[in-house]
Amino acid sequence: MASFLSLLTGTLIAAGMTSGLGADAMESYGWRIPFLLAIPLGIAGLYIRRRISDTPNFTRLREEGGLSRTN
């Protein structure tokens, strides 16, 4: 469900920007705008990921060496 919603959101943003800016503006500079908008979202995601603690079960398994490594 999340991948569908993200695809739908991206498509709607691209369609809205293309209709709002026009095809020429999208080709010259408009395609950069979504990347600039994603920077704060990436920073927020990184902040959240660093601040969330692991579950007690995962912490116990890590301390006991019960986790398998995948490469």
PDB file of N, CA and C in Angstrom:
ATOM      1  N   MET A   1       0.827  -1.186   0.000  1.00  0.00           N
ATOM      2  CA  MET A   1       0.000   0.000   0.000  1.00  0.00           C
ATOM      3  C   MET A   1       0.873   1.253   0.000  1.00  0.00           C
ATOM      4  N   ALA A   2       1.961   1.225   0.771  1.00  0.00           N
ATOM      5  CA  ALA A   2       2.816   2.406   0.863  1.00  0.00           C
ATOM      6  C   ALA A   2       3.494   2.708  -0.459  1.00  0.00           C
ATOM      7  N   SER A   3       3.937   1.676  -1.181  1.00  0.00           N
ATOM      8  CA  SER A   3       4.599   1.932  -2.466  1.00  0.00           C
ATOM      9  C   SER A   3       3.598   2.476  -3.481  1.00  0.00           C
ATOM     10  N   PHE A   4       2.359   2.005  -3.439  1.00  0.00           N
ATOM     11  CA  PHE A   4       1.341   2.545  -4.333  1.00  0.00           C
ATOM     12  C   PHE A   4       1.069   4.010  -4.025  1.00  0.00           C
ATOM     13  N   LEU A   5       0.944   4.336  -2.742  1.00  0.00           N
ATOM     14  CA  LEU A   5       0.680   5.726  -2.367  1.00  0.00           C
ATOM     15  C   LEU A   5       1.838   6.647  -2.727  1.00  0.00           C
ATOM     16  N   SER A   6       3.064   6.159  -2.573  1.00  0.00           N
ATOM     17  CA  SER A   6       4.200   7.007  -2.936  1.00  0.00           C
ATOM     18  C   SER A   6       4.272   7.198  -4.450  1.00  0.00           C
ATOM     19  N   LEU A   7       3.975   6.154  -5.216  1.00  0.00           N
ATOM     20  CA  LEU A   7       3.946   6.285  -6.670  1.00  0.00           C
ATOM     21  C   LEU A   7       2.839   7.244  -7.099  1.00  0.00           C
ATOM     22  N   LEU A   8       1.676   7.129  -6.498  1.00  0.00           N
ATOM     23  CA  LEU A   8       0.563   8.017  -6.807  1.00  0.00           C
ATOM     24  C   LEU A   8       0.896   9.462  -6.455  1.00  0.00           C
ATOM     25  N   THR A   9       1.495   9.668  -5.299  1.00  0.00           N
ATOM     26  CA  THR A   9       1.872  11.016  -4.876  1.00  0.00           C
ATOM     27  C   THR A   9       2.888  11.628  -5.823  1.00  0.00           C
ATOM     28  N   GLY A  10       3.896  10.874  -6.192  1.00  0.00           N
ATOM     29  CA  GLY A  10       4.899  11.368  -7.121  1.00  0.00           C
ATOM     30  C   GLY A  10       4.318  11.708  -8.479  1.00  0.00           C
ATOM     31  N   THR A  11       3.416  10.866  -8.953  1.00  0.00           N
ATOM     32  CA  THR A  11       2.777  11.115 -10.246  1.00  0.00           C
ATOM     33  C   THR A  11       1.914  12.371 -10.198  1.00  0.00           C
ATOM     34  N   LEU A  12       1.166  12.538  -9.120  1.00  0.00           N
ATOM     35  CA  LEU A  12       0.319  13.726  -8.991  1.00  0.00           C
ATOM     36  C   LEU A  12       1.154  15.002  -8.880  1.00  0.00           C
ATOM     37  N   ILE A  13       2.259  14.945  -8.159  1.00  0.00           N
ATOM     38  CA  ILE A  13       3.132  16.110  -8.045  1.00  0.00           C
ATOM     39  C   ILE A  13       3.742  16.450  -9.401  1.00  0.00           C
ATOM     40  N   ALA A  14       4.197  15.440 -10.122  1.00  0.00           N
ATOM     41  CA  ALA A  14       4.776  15.679 -11.442  1.00  0.00           C
ATOM     42  C   ALA A  14       3.739  16.246 -12.408  1.00  0.00           C
ATOM     43  N   ALA A  15       2.537  15.713 -12.385  1.00  0.00           N
ATOM     44  CA  ALA A  15       1.483  16.212 -13.269  1.00  0.00           C
ATOM     45  C   ALA A  15       1.101  17.648 -12.901  1.00  0.00           C
ATOM     46  N   GLY A  16       1.005  17.922 -11.606  1.00  0.00           N
ATOM     47  CA  GLY A  16       0.669  19.277 -11.169  1.00  0.00           C
ATOM     48  C   GLY A  16       1.750  20.281 -11.526  1.00  0.00           C
ATOM     49  N   MET A  17       2.988  19.889 -11.354  1.00  0.00           N
ATOM     50  CA  MET A  17       4.082  20.804 -11.684  1.00  0.00           C
ATOM     51  C   MET A  17       4.182  21.031 -13.190  1.00  0.00           C
ATOM     52  N   THR A  18       3.964  19.983 -13.977  1.00  0.00           N
ATOM     53  CA  THR A  18       4.020  20.129 -15.422  1.00  0.00           C
ATOM     54  C   THR A  18       2.917  21.040 -15.930  1.00  0.00           C
ATOM     55  N   SER A  19       1.724  20.878 -15.369  1.00  0.00           N
ATOM     56  CA  SER A  19       0.626  21.745 -15.803  1.00  0.00           C
ATOM     57  C   SER A  19       0.800  23.167 -15.264  1.00  0.00           C
ATOM     58  N   GLY A  20       1.409  23.317 -14.112  1.00  0.00           N
ATOM     59  CA  GLY A  20       1.592  24.648 -13.535  1.00  0.00           C
ATOM     60  C   GLY A  20       2.761  25.410 -14.137  1.00  0.00           C
ATOM     61  N   LEU A  21       3.865  24.729 -14.378  1.00  0.00           N
ATOM     62  CA  LEU A  21       5.058  25.397 -14.898  1.00  0.00           C
ATOM     63  C   LEU A  21       5.137  25.361 -16.421  1.00  0.00           C
ATOM     64  N   GLY A  22       4.596  24.334 -17.014  1.00  0.00           N
ATOM     65  CA  GLY A  22       4.722  24.159 -18.451  1.00  0.00           C
ATOM     66  C   GLY A  22       5.873  23.218 -18.776  1.00  0.00           C
ATOM     67  N   ALA A  23       5.837  22.665 -19.963  1.00  0.00           N
ATOM     68  CA  ALA A  23       6.824  21.657 -20.350  1.00  0.00           C
ATOM     69  C   ALA A  23       8.225  22.244 -20.463  1.00  0.00           C
ATOM     70  N   ASP A  24       8.337  23.461 -21.004  1.00  0.00           N
ATOM     71  CA  ASP A  24       9.669  24.067 -21.170  1.00  0.00           C
ATOM     72  C   ASP A  24      10.329  24.352 -19.827  1.00  0.00           C
ATOM     73  N   ALA A  25       9.573  24.882 -18.885  1.00  0.00           N
ATOM     74  CA  ALA A  25      10.132  25.175 -17.563  1.00  0.00           C
ATOM     75  C   ALA A  25      10.497  23.893 -16.825  1.00  0.00           C
ATOM     76  N   MET A  26       9.694  22.845 -17.000  1.00  0.00           N
ATOM     77  CA  MET A  26      10.017  21.569 -16.352  1.00  0.00           C
ATOM     78  C   MET A  26      11.318  20.993 -16.895  1.00  0.00           C
ATOM     79  N   GLU A  27      11.546  21.131 -18.196  1.00  0.00           N
ATOM     80  CA  GLU A  27      12.772  20.601 -18.784  1.00  0.00           C
ATOM     81  C   GLU A  27      13.996  21.405 -18.383  1.00  0.00           C
ATOM     82  N   SER A  28      13.836  22.708 -18.165  1.00  0.00           N
ATOM     83  CA  SER A  28      15.018  23.522 -17.860  1.00  0.00           C
ATOM     84  C   SER A  28      15.353  23.524 -16.370  1.00  0.00           C
ATOM     85  N   TYR A  29      14.387  23.740 -15.499  1.00  0.00           N
ATOM     86  CA  TYR A  29      14.703  23.805 -14.065  1.00  0.00           C
ATOM     87  C   TYR A  29      13.674  23.113 -13.177  1.00  0.00           C
ATOM     88  N   GLY A  30      12.490  22.894 -13.646  1.00  0.00           N
ATOM     89  CA  GLY A  30      11.404  22.377 -12.806  1.00  0.00           C
ATOM     90  C   GLY A  30      11.631  20.989 -12.257  1.00  0.00           C
ATOM     91  N   TRP A  31      12.402  20.169 -12.957  1.00  0.00           N
ATOM     92  CA  TRP A  31      12.624  18.804 -12.488  1.00  0.00           C
ATOM     93  C   TRP A  31      13.449  18.778 -11.211  1.00  0.00           C
ATOM     94  N   ARG A  32      14.139  19.887 -10.906  1.00  0.00           N
ATOM     95  CA  ARG A  32      14.966  19.929  -9.687  1.00  0.00           C
ATOM     96  C   ARG A  32      14.141  20.201  -8.430  1.00  0.00           C
ATOM     97  N   ILE A  33      12.982  20.793  -8.575  1.00  0.00           N
ATOM     98  CA  ILE A  33      12.169  21.211  -7.421  1.00  0.00           C
ATOM     99  C   ILE A  33      11.786  20.034  -6.526  1.00  0.00           C
ATOM    100  N   PRO A  34      11.305  18.895  -7.051  1.00  0.00           N
ATOM    101  CA  PRO A  34      10.987  17.778  -6.148  1.00  0.00           C
ATOM    102  C   PRO A  34      12.189  17.279  -5.350  1.00  0.00           C
ATOM    103  N   PHE A  35      13.378  17.328  -5.956  1.00  0.00           N
ATOM    104  CA  PHE A  35      14.571  16.914  -5.216  1.00  0.00           C
ATOM    105  C   PHE A  35      14.855  17.875  -4.067  1.00  0.00           C
ATOM    106  N   LEU A  36      14.652  19.160  -4.305  1.00  0.00           N
ATOM    107  CA  LEU A  36      14.857  20.141  -3.243  1.00  0.00           C
ATOM    108  C   LEU A  36      13.820  19.983  -2.135  1.00  0.00           C
ATOM    109  N   LEU A  37      12.613  19.623  -2.504  1.00  0.00           N
ATOM    110  CA  LEU A  37      11.577  19.383  -1.496  1.00  0.00           C
ATOM    111  C   LEU A  37      11.855  18.112  -0.693  1.00  0.00           C
ATOM    112  N   ALA A  38      12.574  17.164  -1.280  1.00  0.00           N
ATOM    113  CA  ALA A  38      12.852  15.903  -0.591  1.00  0.00           C
ATOM    114  C   ALA A  38      13.955  16.031   0.452  1.00  0.00           C
ATOM    115  N   ILE A  39      14.769  17.068   0.360  1.00  0.00           N
ATOM    116  CA  ILE A  39      15.871  17.224   1.323  1.00  0.00           C
ATOM    117  C   ILE A  39      15.353  17.322   2.759  1.00  0.00           C
ATOM    118  N   PRO A  40      14.369  18.200   3.064  1.00  0.00           N
ATOM    119  CA  PRO A  40      13.874  18.229   4.450  1.00  0.00           C
ATOM    120  C   PRO A  40      13.232  16.910   4.884  1.00  0.00           C
ATOM    121  N   LEU A  41      12.574  16.222   3.967  1.00  0.00           N
ATOM    122  CA  LEU A  41      11.982  14.926   4.318  1.00  0.00           C
ATOM    123  C   LEU A  41      13.058  13.897   4.640  1.00  0.00           C
ATOM    124  N   GLY A  42      14.146  13.919   3.897  1.00  0.00           N
ATOM    125  CA  GLY A  42      15.249  13.012   4.177  1.00  0.00           C
ATOM    126  C   GLY A  42      15.898  13.294   5.516  1.00  0.00           C
ATOM    127  N   ILE A  43      16.066  14.569   5.833  1.00  0.00           N
ATOM    128  CA  ILE A  43      16.646  14.945   7.129  1.00  0.00           C
ATOM    129  C   ILE A  43      15.728  14.517   8.263  1.00  0.00           C
ATOM    130  N   ALA A  44      14.415  14.713   8.095  1.00  0.00           N
ATOM    131  CA  ALA A  44      13.462  14.296   9.124  1.00  0.00           C
ATOM    132  C   ALA A  44      13.483  12.778   9.298  1.00  0.00           C
ATOM    133  N   GLY A  45      13.554  12.034   8.197  1.00  0.00           N
ATOM    134  CA  GLY A  45      13.621  10.574   8.282  1.00  0.00           C
ATOM    135  C   GLY A  45      14.883  10.099   8.971  1.00  0.00           C
ATOM    136  N   LEU A  46      15.997  10.730   8.663  1.00  0.00           N
ATOM    137  CA  LEU A  46      17.250  10.374   9.315  1.00  0.00           C
ATOM    138  C   LEU A  46      17.199  10.672  10.814  1.00  0.00           C
ATOM    139  N   TYR A  47      16.625  11.810  11.175  1.00  0.00           N
ATOM    140  CA  TYR A  47      16.479  12.178  12.587  1.00  0.00           C
ATOM    141  C   TYR A  47      15.624  11.142  13.323  1.00  0.00           C
ATOM    142  N   ILE A  48      14.497  10.783  12.731  1.00  0.00           N
ATOM    143  CA  ILE A  48      13.603   9.804  13.361  1.00  0.00           C
ATOM    144  C   ILE A  48      14.301   8.458  13.497  1.00  0.00           C
ATOM    145  N   ARG A  49      15.000   8.047  12.435  1.00  0.00           N
ATOM    146  CA  ARG A  49      15.672   6.744  12.482  1.00  0.00           C
ATOM    147  C   ARG A  49      16.743   6.688  13.554  1.00  0.00           C
ATOM    148  N   ARG A  50      17.446   7.774  13.766  1.00  0.00           N
ATOM    149  CA  ARG A  50      18.500   7.816  14.792  1.00  0.00           C
ATOM    150  C   ARG A  50      17.929   7.849  16.201  1.00  0.00           C
ATOM    151  N   ARG A  51      16.728   8.409  16.368  1.00  0.00           N
ATOM    152  CA  ARG A  51      16.155   8.586  17.701  1.00  0.00           C
ATOM    153  C   ARG A  51      15.304   7.420  18.186  1.00  0.00           C
ATOM    154  N   ILE A  52      14.826   6.581  17.276  1.00  0.00           N
ATOM    155  CA  ILE A  52      13.975   5.466  17.681  1.00  0.00           C
ATOM    156  C   ILE A  52      14.852   4.364  18.261  1.00  0.00           C
ATOM    157  N   SER A  53      14.476   3.875  19.427  1.00  0.00           N
ATOM    158  CA  SER A  53      15.249   2.804  20.054  1.00  0.00           C
ATOM    159  C   SER A  53      14.757   1.448  19.550  1.00  0.00           C
ATOM    160  N   ASP A  54      15.630   0.474  19.647  1.00  0.00           N
ATOM    161  CA  ASP A  54      15.286  -0.875  19.223  1.00  0.00           C
ATOM    162  C   ASP A  54      14.336  -1.504  20.227  1.00  0.00           C
ATOM    163  N   THR A  55      13.613  -2.524  19.772  1.00  0.00           N
ATOM    164  CA  THR A  55      12.719  -3.234  20.677  1.00  0.00           C
ATOM    165  C   THR A  55      13.550  -4.032  21.679  1.00  0.00           C
ATOM    166  N   PRO A  56      12.986  -4.307  22.834  1.00  0.00           N
ATOM    167  CA  PRO A  56      13.735  -5.084  23.831  1.00  0.00           C
ATOM    168  C   PRO A  56      14.158  -6.462  23.319  1.00  0.00           C
ATOM    169  N   ASN A  57      13.316  -7.112  22.534  1.00  0.00           N
ATOM    170  CA  ASN A  57      13.660  -8.428  22.005  1.00  0.00           C
ATOM    171  C   ASN A  57      14.848  -8.339  21.056  1.00  0.00           C
ATOM    172  N   PHE A  58      14.886  -7.330  20.173  1.00  0.00           N
ATOM    173  CA  PHE A  58      16.004  -7.162  19.257  1.00  0.00           C
ATOM    174  C   PHE A  58      17.280  -6.851  20.026  1.00  0.00           C
ATOM    175  N   THR A  59      17.196  -6.004  21.020  1.00  0.00           N
ATOM    176  CA  THR A  59      18.365  -5.668  21.832  1.00  0.00           C
ATOM    177  C   THR A  59      18.919  -6.909  22.524  1.00  0.00           C
ATOM    178  N   ARG A  60      18.028  -7.746  23.070  1.00  0.00           N
ATOM    179  CA  ARG A  60      18.454  -8.980  23.732  1.00  0.00           C
ATOM    180  C   ARG A  60      19.138  -9.921  22.746  1.00  0.00           C
ATOM    181  N   LEU A  61      18.553 -10.087  21.556  1.00  0.00           N
ATOM    182  CA  LEU A  61      19.154 -10.967  20.552  1.00  0.00           C
ATOM    183  C   LEU A  61      20.509 -10.444  20.091  1.00  0.00           C
ATOM    184  N   ARG A  62      20.643  -9.140  19.949  1.00  0.00           N
ATOM    185  CA  ARG A  62      21.924  -8.564  19.530  1.00  0.00           C
ATOM    186  C   ARG A  62      22.985  -8.796  20.589  1.00  0.00           C
ATOM    187  N   GLU A  63      22.625  -8.634  21.859  1.00  0.00           N
ATOM    188  CA  GLU A  63      23.586  -8.828  22.946  1.00  0.00           C
ATOM    189  C   GLU A  63      23.993 -10.295  23.073  1.00  0.00           C
ATOM    190  N   GLU A  64      23.074 -11.206  22.788  1.00  0.00           N
ATOM    191  CA  GLU A  64      23.369 -12.630  22.882  1.00  0.00           C
ATOM    192  C   GLU A  64      24.063 -13.166  21.632  1.00  0.00           C
ATOM    193  N   GLY A  65      24.143 -12.362  20.602  1.00  0.00           N
ATOM    194  CA  GLY A  65      24.752 -12.819  19.352  1.00  0.00           C
ATOM    195  C   GLY A  65      23.827 -13.703  18.549  1.00  0.00           C
ATOM    196  N   GLY A  66      22.543 -13.566  18.746  1.00  0.00           N
ATOM    197  CA  GLY A  66      21.573 -14.420  18.065  1.00  0.00           C
ATOM    198  C   GLY A  66      21.076 -13.874  16.743  1.00  0.00           C
ATOM    199  N   LEU A  67      21.691 -12.836  16.240  1.00  0.00           N
ATOM    200  CA  LEU A  67      21.269 -12.268  14.965  1.00  0.00           C
ATOM    201  C   LEU A  67      22.137 -12.806  13.842  1.00  0.00           C
ATOM    202  N   SER A  68      21.519 -13.094  12.729  1.00  0.00           N
ATOM    203  CA  SER A  68      22.292 -13.547  11.564  1.00  0.00           C
ATOM    204  C   SER A  68      22.659 -12.328  10.725  1.00  0.00           C
ATOM    205  N   ARG A  69      23.814 -12.383  10.116  1.00  0.00           N
ATOM    206  CA  ARG A  69      24.281 -11.276   9.275  1.00  0.00           C
ATOM    207  C   ARG A  69      24.008 -11.609   7.821  1.00  0.00           C
ATOM    208  N   THR A  70      23.508 -10.638   7.096  1.00  0.00           N
ATOM    209  CA  THR A  70      23.295 -10.814   5.666  1.00  0.00           C
ATOM    210  C   THR A  70      24.176  -9.845   4.939  1.00  0.00           C
ATOM    211  N   ASN A  71      24.833 -10.301   3.929  1.00  0.00           N
ATOM    212  CA  ASN A  71      25.742  -9.447   3.162  1.00  0.00           C
ATOM    213  C   ASN A  71      25.240  -9.289   1.763  1.00  0.00           C
TER     214      ASN A  71
END
